[in-house]
Protein backbone atom coordinates (compact mmCIF):
# COMPACT_ATOMS: atom_id res chain seq x y z
CA MET A 1 0.27 0.14 0.05
CA GLY A 2 1.28 3.37 -0.67
CA LYS A 3 1.83 6.24 1.16
CA LEU A 4 -1.35 7.81 -0.50
CA GLY A 5 -3.28 4.77 0.65
CA ARG A 6 -2.32 4.59 3.95
CA THR A 7 -3.30 8.12 4.57
CA ILE A 8 -6.81 7.71 3.24
CA GLY A 9 -6.95 4.50 5.31
CA LEU A 10 -5.98 6.50 8.39
CA LEU A 11 -8.13 9.49 7.78
CA LEU A 12 -11.19 7.06 7.09
CA LEU A 13 -10.65 5.34 10.64
CA LEU A 14 -10.68 9.00 12.20
CA ILE A 15 -13.68 10.01 10.37
CA LEU A 16 -15.98 6.51 10.89
CA PRO A 17 -16.33 6.57 14.61
CA PHE A 18 -17.70 10.29 14.07
CA GLU A 19 -20.24 8.99 11.58
CA ASN A 20 -21.31 6.12 13.67
CA ASP A 21 -21.69 8.68 16.46
CA ALA A 22 -24.17 10.70 13.96
CA GLN A 23 -26.32 8.00 12.97
CA ASP A 24 -26.90 7.03 16.45
CA ILE A 25 -27.81 10.24 17.50
CA ASN A 26 -30.06 10.53 14.69
CA GLY A 27 -31.73 7.12 15.43
CA LEU A 28 -32.00 8.03 18.93
CA LEU A 29 -33.53 11.41 18.19
CA LYS A 30 -35.86 9.70 15.68
CA ASP A 31 -36.90 7.15 18.47
CA ALA A 32 -37.80 10.03 20.89
CA GLN A 33 -39.46 11.62 18.66
CA GLN A 34 -41.95 8.66 17.90
CA LEU A 35 -42.15 7.69 21.82
CA GLU A 36 -43.75 11.52 21.84
CA SER A 37 -45.96 10.79 18.94
CA ALA A 38 -47.23 7.79 20.93
CA PHE A 39 -47.89 10.03 24.00
CA LYS A 40 -45.17 8.22 25.96
CA GLU A 41 -43.37 11.31 27.45
CA PRO A 42 -41.30 9.51 30.32
CA GLU A 43 -39.94 7.10 27.68
CA ALA A 44 -38.94 10.04 25.52
CA LEU A 45 -37.49 11.80 27.91
CA GLN A 46 -34.99 8.89 28.62
CA LYS A 47 -34.27 8.48 25.40
CA TYR A 48 -33.25 12.35 24.92
CA LEU A 49 -31.02 11.82 28.12
CA ASP A 50 -29.35 9.18 26.50
CA ILE A 51 -28.50 11.38 23.52
CA ILE A 52 -26.75 13.86 25.88
CA ARG A 53 -24.67 11.29 27.24
CA VAL A 54 -23.37 10.83 24.05
CA GLN A 55 -23.56 14.44 22.87
CA PRO A 56 -23.62 16.75 25.70
CA ASN A 57 -24.31 19.78 23.39
CA ASN A 58 -26.99 18.37 21.41
CA LEU A 59 -29.47 21.74 21.54
CA THR A 60 -32.38 19.63 20.17
CA ALA A 61 -32.02 17.23 22.95
CA LEU A 62 -31.32 19.92 25.74
CA ILE A 63 -34.50 21.68 24.81
CA LYS A 64 -36.68 18.64 24.63
CA ILE A 65 -35.53 17.34 27.92
CA SER A 66 -36.38 20.82 29.88
CA GLU A 67 -39.73 20.90 27.80
CA LEU A 68 -40.65 17.06 29.13
CA TYR A 69 -39.72 17.85 32.55
CA SER A 70 -42.05 20.82 32.64
CA ILE A 71 -44.77 18.79 31.29
CA LEU A 72 -44.31 15.54 33.27
CA GLY A 73 -43.57 17.88 36.55
CA LYS A 74 -47.29 18.85 37.24
CA HIS A 75 -48.39 15.27 37.07
CA GLN A 76 -46.17 14.50 39.89
CA GLY A 77 -47.80 13.52 43.30
CA THR A 78 -46.06 16.07 45.82
CA LYS A 79 -45.06 19.59 45.57
CA ASP A 80 -41.26 18.55 46.36
CA LYS A 81 -41.53 16.28 43.31
CA GLN A 82 -43.00 18.98 41.22
CA LYS A 83 -40.37 21.14 42.43
CA GLU A 84 -37.67 18.75 41.46
CA TYR A 85 -38.70 18.26 38.06
CA TYR A 86 -39.25 21.95 37.29
CA GLY A 87 -36.01 22.68 38.63
CA ASN A 88 -34.43 19.99 36.38
CA ALA A 89 -36.14 21.88 33.55
CA ARG A 90 -34.57 25.25 34.21
CA VAL A 91 -31.09 23.35 34.47
CA TYR A 92 -31.50 21.83 30.92
CA ALA A 93 -32.89 25.05 29.68
CA GLN A 94 -29.88 27.05 30.94
CA LYS A 95 -27.74 24.42 29.63
CA ALA A 96 -29.50 24.98 25.94
CA LEU A 97 -29.12 28.59 26.57
CA SER A 98 -25.39 28.22 27.14
CA VAL A 99 -25.28 25.89 23.60
CA ASN A 100 -27.27 28.84 21.90
CA ALA A 101 -28.45 32.26 23.63
CA ASN A 102 -30.44 33.10 20.34
CA SER A 103 -32.29 29.89 20.08
CA SER A 104 -36.00 30.70 20.30
CA ASP A 105 -36.81 27.39 21.85
CA ALA A 106 -34.23 27.49 24.22
CA ASN A 107 -35.73 30.87 25.67
CA VAL A 108 -38.99 29.37 25.66
CA VAL A 109 -38.35 26.40 27.59
CA MET A 110 -36.62 28.30 30.11
CA ALA A 111 -39.71 30.72 30.30
CA LEU A 112 -41.99 27.74 30.66
CA ALA A 113 -39.82 26.26 33.36
CA MET A 114 -39.88 29.46 35.24
CA GLY A 115 -43.60 29.87 34.85
CA ARG A 116 -44.30 26.08 36.30
CA MET A 117 -42.22 27.22 39.02
CA ALA A 118 -44.23 30.24 39.79
CA LEU A 119 -47.54 28.66 39.86
CA ILE A 120 -46.00 26.50 42.59
CA SER A 121 -44.27 29.23 44.86
CA SER A 122 -44.67 31.91 46.33
CA GLY A 123 -43.39 35.22 47.89
CA ASP A 124 -39.82 36.27 46.42
CA GLU A 125 -39.18 32.98 44.76
CA LYS A 126 -42.93 33.30 42.70
CA ILE A 127 -41.84 36.95 41.93
CA LYS A 128 -38.32 36.12 40.86
CA ALA A 129 -39.83 33.43 38.55
CA VAL A 130 -42.78 35.66 37.22
CA LYS A 131 -39.88 38.09 36.15
CA ASP A 132 -38.25 35.57 34.13
CA VAL A 133 -41.16 34.28 32.22
CA LYS A 134 -41.79 37.81 30.83
CA SER A 135 -38.06 38.43 29.93
CA TYR A 136 -37.61 34.79 28.39
CA SER A 137 -40.78 34.72 26.39
CA GLU A 138 -40.33 38.02 25.03
CA LYS A 139 -36.96 36.96 23.94
CA GLY A 140 -38.44 34.07 22.47
CA VAL A 141 -41.03 36.05 20.39
CA GLN A 142 -38.00 38.73 19.50
CA LEU A 143 -35.99 35.34 18.17
CA ASP A 144 -38.84 34.00 16.35
CA PRO A 145 -41.88 35.81 15.60
CA ASN A 146 -43.63 32.37 14.47
CA ASN A 147 -42.93 30.59 17.33
CA TYR A 148 -46.22 29.71 18.76
CA LYS A 149 -45.25 28.45 22.08
CA ALA A 150 -43.29 31.95 22.95
CA TYR A 151 -46.60 33.63 22.57
CA HIS A 152 -48.74 31.23 24.59
CA VAL A 153 -46.24 31.56 27.44
CA LEU A 154 -46.27 35.20 27.04
CA ALA A 155 -49.82 35.07 26.97
CA LYS A 156 -49.81 33.18 30.02
CA TRP A 157 -47.83 35.47 31.98
CA HIS A 158 -50.34 38.39 31.23
CA TYR A 159 -53.18 36.49 32.39
CA GLU A 160 -51.48 35.33 35.54
CA VAL A 161 -49.95 38.94 36.41
CA SER A 162 -53.02 40.65 35.79
CA ASP A 163 -54.68 38.22 37.91
CA LEU A 164 -52.57 38.39 41.03
CA ASN A 165 -53.96 39.69 44.56
CA SER A 166 -52.98 42.89 46.12
CA VAL A 167 -50.06 41.48 48.31
CA GLU A 168 -48.48 39.65 45.15
CA LYS A 169 -49.00 42.99 43.44
CA TRP A 170 -47.08 44.91 45.93
CA LEU A 171 -44.20 42.40 45.67
CA VAL A 172 -44.00 42.43 42.04
CA LYS A 173 -43.83 46.53 42.21
CA VAL A 174 -41.06 45.89 44.88
CA ALA A 175 -39.35 43.37 42.56
CA TYR A 176 -39.37 45.35 39.56
CA GLU A 177 -39.79 49.06 40.99
CA ALA A 178 -42.49 49.49 38.97
CA LEU A 179 -45.55 47.07 38.48
CA PRO A 180 -45.42 45.67 34.99
CA LYS A 181 -47.58 46.29 31.93
CA ALA A 182 -49.86 43.38 32.13
CA SER A 183 -53.58 43.16 31.17
CA LEU A 184 -56.02 40.57 30.25
CA ASP A 185 -56.27 42.42 26.82
CA GLU A 186 -52.74 41.71 26.06
CA ALA A 187 -53.34 37.96 26.92
CA ILE A 188 -55.99 37.89 24.64
CA LYS A 189 -54.00 39.19 21.89
CA PHE A 190 -51.16 36.85 22.35
CA TYR A 191 -52.93 33.55 23.13
CA GLU A 192 -54.95 34.40 19.55
CA LYS A 193 -51.72 35.02 17.89
CA SER A 194 -50.39 31.80 19.12
CA ARG A 195 -53.63 30.05 18.05
CA GLN A 196 -53.40 31.71 14.53
CA LEU A 197 -49.64 30.14 14.17
CA ASN A 198 -51.03 27.07 15.50
CA PRO A 199 -54.64 26.08 15.15
CA SER A 200 -54.42 22.98 16.24
CA PHE A 201 -52.85 23.75 19.68
CA LEU A 202 -55.62 22.76 22.11
CA LEU A 203 -54.35 24.53 25.07
CA ASN A 204 -54.74 27.87 23.24
CA TYR A 205 -58.40 27.53 23.24
CA LEU A 206 -58.72 26.42 27.00
CA GLU A 207 -57.00 29.41 28.09
CA LEU A 208 -58.79 31.94 25.95
CA ALA A 209 -61.96 30.64 27.06
CA LYS A 210 -60.87 31.30 30.67
CA SER A 211 -59.57 34.97 29.56
CA TYR A 212 -62.73 35.73 27.73
CA HIS A 213 -64.77 34.50 30.90
CA ARG A 214 -62.85 36.81 32.97
CA LYS A 215 -64.12 39.86 30.63
CA ASP A 216 -67.66 38.60 31.10
CA ASN A 217 -67.87 37.45 27.38
CA ASP A 218 -69.17 33.96 28.13
CA LYS A 219 -70.35 33.51 24.56
CA LYS A 220 -67.22 33.65 23.02
CA ALA A 221 -65.68 31.34 25.57
CA VAL A 222 -68.61 28.80 24.78
CA GLU A 223 -67.76 29.09 21.30
CA LEU A 224 -64.05 28.42 21.77
CA LEU A 225 -64.60 25.24 23.91
CA GLU A 226 -67.13 23.73 21.78
CA THR A 227 -64.66 24.20 18.97
CA MET A 228 -61.89 22.66 20.69
CA LEU A 229 -64.16 19.86 21.78
CA LYS A 230 -64.63 18.54 18.09
CA MET A 231 -60.67 18.96 17.31
CA PRO A 232 -58.64 15.86 17.18
CA VAL A 233 -56.14 15.02 19.75
CA LYS A 234 -52.95 15.27 18.96
CA MET A 235 -50.82 15.70 22.24
CA SER A 236 -50.94 13.68 25.21
CA GLU A 237 -52.26 16.62 27.43
CA ASP A 238 -55.04 17.17 25.16
CA ASN A 239 -57.12 14.66 26.46
CA ASN A 240 -56.61 16.44 29.88
CA ILE A 241 -57.46 19.73 28.42
CA LYS A 242 -60.59 18.54 26.79
CA ALA A 243 -61.92 17.04 30.31
CA LYS A 244 -61.31 20.53 31.80
CA GLY A 245 -62.82 22.41 28.88
CA ARG A 246 -66.19 19.99 29.27
CA LYS A 247 -66.38 21.33 32.90
CA LEU A 248 -66.00 24.81 31.90
CA LEU A 249 -68.24 24.36 29.27
CA GLU A 250 -71.00 23.36 32.10
CA GLU A 251 -70.04 26.60 34.06
CA TYR A 252 -70.19 29.05 31.16
CA ARG A 253 -73.18 28.14 29.76
């Protein structure tokens, strides 16, 4: 074998392991996505965790791990377990942001993680989380104006902050040095934008119905719920969302 042949052989030996790793990662990503499509989030989470053991900076896997920890966290039986999951969601969102701070989805999963934490927290911890939800979701929208999840989380921020009690509003004012602008109208605007970008995302219909109910527009709320209940189930949470929608429909009629 000539010098050229030996050189080519050596290059192939160096390249092939990386090609095999890439093939393995692509296979794991495909498996994880199929598990999600089959509504098997815990198994999908483990598959994404397998990916980052091989490729720690895989942005797609880091984002999905964070998102799945947030989704699965609310189904945990205790508040401590929920906090553990939401804490993990925050950790992996931060890792994703370390890989690419200009990823819209990485900012959105951080906003989602902090939003989940805010819902089960109180006092200073809640206010810190509330502040982060706004900044990260706004950045998600700025980086990708077509990211429906970013608009949904930002809408949720406006909905929740506009509904804070007087003590919580005082804490927010102290934290921000001025009460942040949050309104039900803005919540509706951003939910509607999210719905426009992804009409099949059922949670928008549920949250919009609740928002219109708060504005004493039960006719619109009922229309949204009736539309949602006729739509196909596409995500694992959709059955729970529809169940909540049926209860609200009875209440709003």
